[in-house]
Amino acid sequence: MKLIEFKNPDKIVYADINQFADNFGKETGITDLRGKIEAFKANPTKEGEVLKGTKRTAIRLLIPDLYFEGEEKIEMGETVWVYLGELYEIYCLYWPEDK
């Protein structure tokens, strides 16, 4: 995982948490994905958190500005992002009610 991936606009999908969590949780087989994202948002760790789904899927929740600490900051790098691997899109989550 490299910072340059998080700066590539062709790879980033900005997703409203209200529209993302339930559907993506079903697709990956991760129960209560919204709750797990909210818990991570409240208590993030530098290395992020890996969540495993029942459909042979794993995702990493992370906050790029924390994960890549000491490197260049990115737009919306202080929020929770969902990383699936270098071949997939990266989801930048936002909470409309926080604005």
C-alpha atoms as a PDB file:
ATOM      1  CA  MET A   1       0.000   0.000   0.000  1.00  0.00           C
ATOM      2  CA  LYS A   2       1.480   3.288  -1.133  1.00  0.00           C
ATOM      3  CA  LEU A   3       0.482   6.903  -0.631  1.00  0.00           C
ATOM      4  CA  ILE A   4       0.487   7.482  -4.389  1.00  0.00           C
ATOM      5  CA  GLU A   5      -2.517   5.141  -4.682  1.00  0.00           C
ATOM      6  CA  PHE A   6      -4.496   7.446  -2.379  1.00  0.00           C
ATOM      7  CA  LYS A   7      -3.658  10.445  -4.568  1.00  0.00           C
ATOM      8  CA  ASN A   8      -4.775   8.870  -7.857  1.00  0.00           C
ATOM      9  CA  PRO A   9      -8.206  10.364  -8.694  1.00  0.00           C
ATOM     10  CA  ASP A  10      -8.950   7.472 -11.072  1.00  0.00           C
ATOM     11  CA  LYS A  11      -8.751   5.043  -8.175  1.00  0.00           C
ATOM     12  CA  ILE A  12     -10.695   6.967  -5.503  1.00  0.00           C
ATOM     13  CA  VAL A  13     -14.432   6.642  -4.891  1.00  0.00           C
ATOM     14  CA  TYR A  14     -16.008   9.124  -2.479  1.00  0.00           C
ATOM     15  CA  ALA A  15     -18.827   7.380  -0.662  1.00  0.00           C
ATOM     16  CA  ASP A  16     -21.506   8.595   1.731  1.00  0.00           C
ATOM     17  CA  ILE A  17     -21.421   6.301   4.778  1.00  0.00           C
ATOM     18  CA  ASN A  18     -25.234   6.147   4.730  1.00  0.00           C
ATOM     19  CA  GLN A  19     -25.249   4.679   1.230  1.00  0.00           C
ATOM     20  CA  PHE A  20     -22.044   2.649   1.481  1.00  0.00           C
ATOM     21  CA  ALA A  21     -21.994   0.628   4.691  1.00  0.00           C
ATOM     22  CA  ASP A  22     -25.067  -1.602   4.491  1.00  0.00           C
ATOM     23  CA  ASN A  23     -24.703  -2.510   0.832  1.00  0.00           C
ATOM     24  CA  PHE A  24     -20.929  -3.042   0.982  1.00  0.00           C
ATOM     25  CA  GLY A  25     -21.311  -5.066   4.172  1.00  0.00           C
ATOM     26  CA  LYS A  26     -23.700  -7.418   2.374  1.00  0.00           C
ATOM     27  CA  GLU A  27     -21.414  -7.715  -0.660  1.00  0.00           C
ATOM     28  CA  THR A  28     -18.382  -8.612   1.456  1.00  0.00           C
ATOM     29  CA  GLY A  29     -20.149 -10.631   4.125  1.00  0.00           C
ATOM     30  CA  ILE A  30     -19.021  -8.318   6.944  1.00  0.00           C
ATOM     31  CA  THR A  31     -21.790  -8.084   9.502  1.00  0.00           C
ATOM     32  CA  ASP A  32     -22.461  -4.688  11.077  1.00  0.00           C
ATOM     33  CA  LEU A  33     -19.943  -2.971   8.823  1.00  0.00           C
ATOM     34  CA  ARG A  34     -21.396   0.441   9.718  1.00  0.00           C
ATOM     35  CA  GLY A  35     -20.857  -0.223  13.428  1.00  0.00           C
ATOM     36  CA  LYS A  36     -17.291  -1.402  12.839  1.00  0.00           C
ATOM     37  CA  ILE A  37     -16.496   1.665  10.743  1.00  0.00           C
ATOM     38  CA  GLU A  38     -18.015   3.964  13.382  1.00  0.00           C
ATOM     39  CA  ALA A  39     -15.992   2.230  16.132  1.00  0.00           C
ATOM     40  CA  PHE A  40     -12.797   2.625  14.095  1.00  0.00           C
ATOM     41  CA  LYS A  41     -13.602   6.277  13.395  1.00  0.00           C
ATOM     42  CA  ALA A  42     -13.982   6.877  17.143  1.00  0.00           C
ATOM     43  CA  ASN A  43     -10.737   5.035  18.030  1.00  0.00           C
ATOM     44  CA  PRO A  44      -8.444   4.802  14.993  1.00  0.00           C
ATOM     45  CA  THR A  45      -5.062   3.099  15.046  1.00  0.00           C
ATOM     46  CA  LYS A  46      -2.017   4.032  12.973  1.00  0.00           C
ATOM     47  CA  GLU A  47      -1.855   0.655  11.211  1.00  0.00           C
ATOM     48  CA  GLY A  48      -5.590   0.537  10.542  1.00  0.00           C
ATOM     49  CA  GLU A  49      -7.861  -2.441  11.077  1.00  0.00           C
ATOM     50  CA  VAL A  50      -8.421  -5.473   8.869  1.00  0.00           C
ATOM     51  CA  LEU A  51     -11.965  -6.819   8.683  1.00  0.00           C
ATOM     52  CA  LYS A  52     -12.620 -10.246   7.219  1.00  0.00           C
ATOM     53  CA  GLY A  53     -15.835 -11.091   5.446  1.00  0.00           C
ATOM     54  CA  THR A  54     -17.509 -14.417   4.860  1.00  0.00           C
ATOM     55  CA  LYS A  55     -17.117 -14.205   1.082  1.00  0.00           C
ATOM     56  CA  ARG A  56     -13.334 -14.658   0.975  1.00  0.00           C
ATOM     57  CA  THR A  57     -12.920 -10.936   1.346  1.00  0.00           C
ATOM     58  CA  ALA A  58     -10.848  -8.725   3.596  1.00  0.00           C
ATOM     59  CA  ILE A  59     -10.755  -4.944   3.788  1.00  0.00           C
ATOM     60  CA  ARG A  60      -8.563  -2.523   5.694  1.00  0.00           C
ATOM     61  CA  LEU A  61     -10.012   0.494   7.412  1.00  0.00           C
ATOM     62  CA  LEU A  62      -7.480   3.273   7.770  1.00  0.00           C
ATOM     63  CA  ILE A  63      -6.993   6.994   8.087  1.00  0.00           C
ATOM     64  CA  PRO A  64      -4.370   7.921   5.464  1.00  0.00           C
ATOM     65  CA  ASP A  65      -2.965  10.948   7.320  1.00  0.00           C
ATOM     66  CA  LEU A  66      -2.370   8.704  10.344  1.00  0.00           C
ATOM     67  CA  TYR A  67      -1.201   5.638   8.399  1.00  0.00           C
ATOM     68  CA  PHE A  68       1.260   7.633   6.267  1.00  0.00           C
ATOM     69  CA  GLU A  69       2.280   9.891   9.150  1.00  0.00           C
ATOM     70  CA  GLY A  70       5.257  12.058   8.300  1.00  0.00           C
ATOM     71  CA  GLU A  71       4.452  12.025   4.587  1.00  0.00           C
ATOM     72  CA  GLU A  72       2.437  14.474   2.540  1.00  0.00           C
ATOM     73  CA  LYS A  73      -1.174  14.987   3.656  1.00  0.00           C
ATOM     74  CA  ILE A  74      -3.918  14.211   1.161  1.00  0.00           C
ATOM     75  CA  GLU A  75      -7.361  15.647   0.579  1.00  0.00           C
ATOM     76  CA  MET A  76      -9.825  14.121   3.089  1.00  0.00           C
ATOM     77  CA  GLY A  77      -6.925  12.167   4.581  1.00  0.00           C
ATOM     78  CA  GLU A  78      -8.296  12.648   8.082  1.00  0.00           C
ATOM     79  CA  THR A  79     -11.385  10.520   7.479  1.00  0.00           C
ATOM     80  CA  VAL A  80     -11.860   6.739   7.258  1.00  0.00           C
ATOM     81  CA  TRP A  81     -10.925   5.031   3.990  1.00  0.00           C
ATOM     82  CA  VAL A  82     -11.578   1.446   2.896  1.00  0.00           C
ATOM     83  CA  TYR A  83      -8.708  -0.303   1.115  1.00  0.00           C
ATOM     84  CA  LEU A  84      -9.257  -3.610  -0.714  1.00  0.00           C
ATOM     85  CA  GLY A  85      -5.896  -4.030  -2.452  1.00  0.00           C
ATOM     86  CA  GLU A  86      -3.876  -2.453  -5.214  1.00  0.00           C
ATOM     87  CA  LEU A  87      -6.097  -3.763  -8.002  1.00  0.00           C
ATOM     88  CA  TYR A  88      -9.290  -2.266  -6.564  1.00  0.00           C
ATOM     89  CA  GLU A  89     -10.795   1.137  -5.990  1.00  0.00           C
ATOM     90  CA  ILE A  90     -10.213   2.845  -2.643  1.00  0.00           C
ATOM     91  CA  TYR A  91     -13.261   4.207  -0.860  1.00  0.00           C
ATOM     92  CA  CYS A  92     -13.031   7.531   0.954  1.00  0.00           C
ATOM     93  CA  LEU A  93     -15.946   7.679   3.373  1.00  0.00           C
ATOM     94  CA  TYR A  94     -17.677  10.835   4.489  1.00  0.00           C
ATOM     95  CA  TRP A  95     -20.421  11.586   6.961  1.00  0.00           C
ATOM     96  CA  PRO A  96     -22.813  14.246   5.563  1.00  0.00           C
ATOM     97  CA  GLU A  97     -24.100  15.098   9.057  1.00  0.00           C
ATOM     98  CA  ASP A  98     -20.529  16.019  10.141  1.00  0.00           C
ATOM     99  CA  LYS A  99     -20.385  18.951   7.704  1.00  0.00           C
END
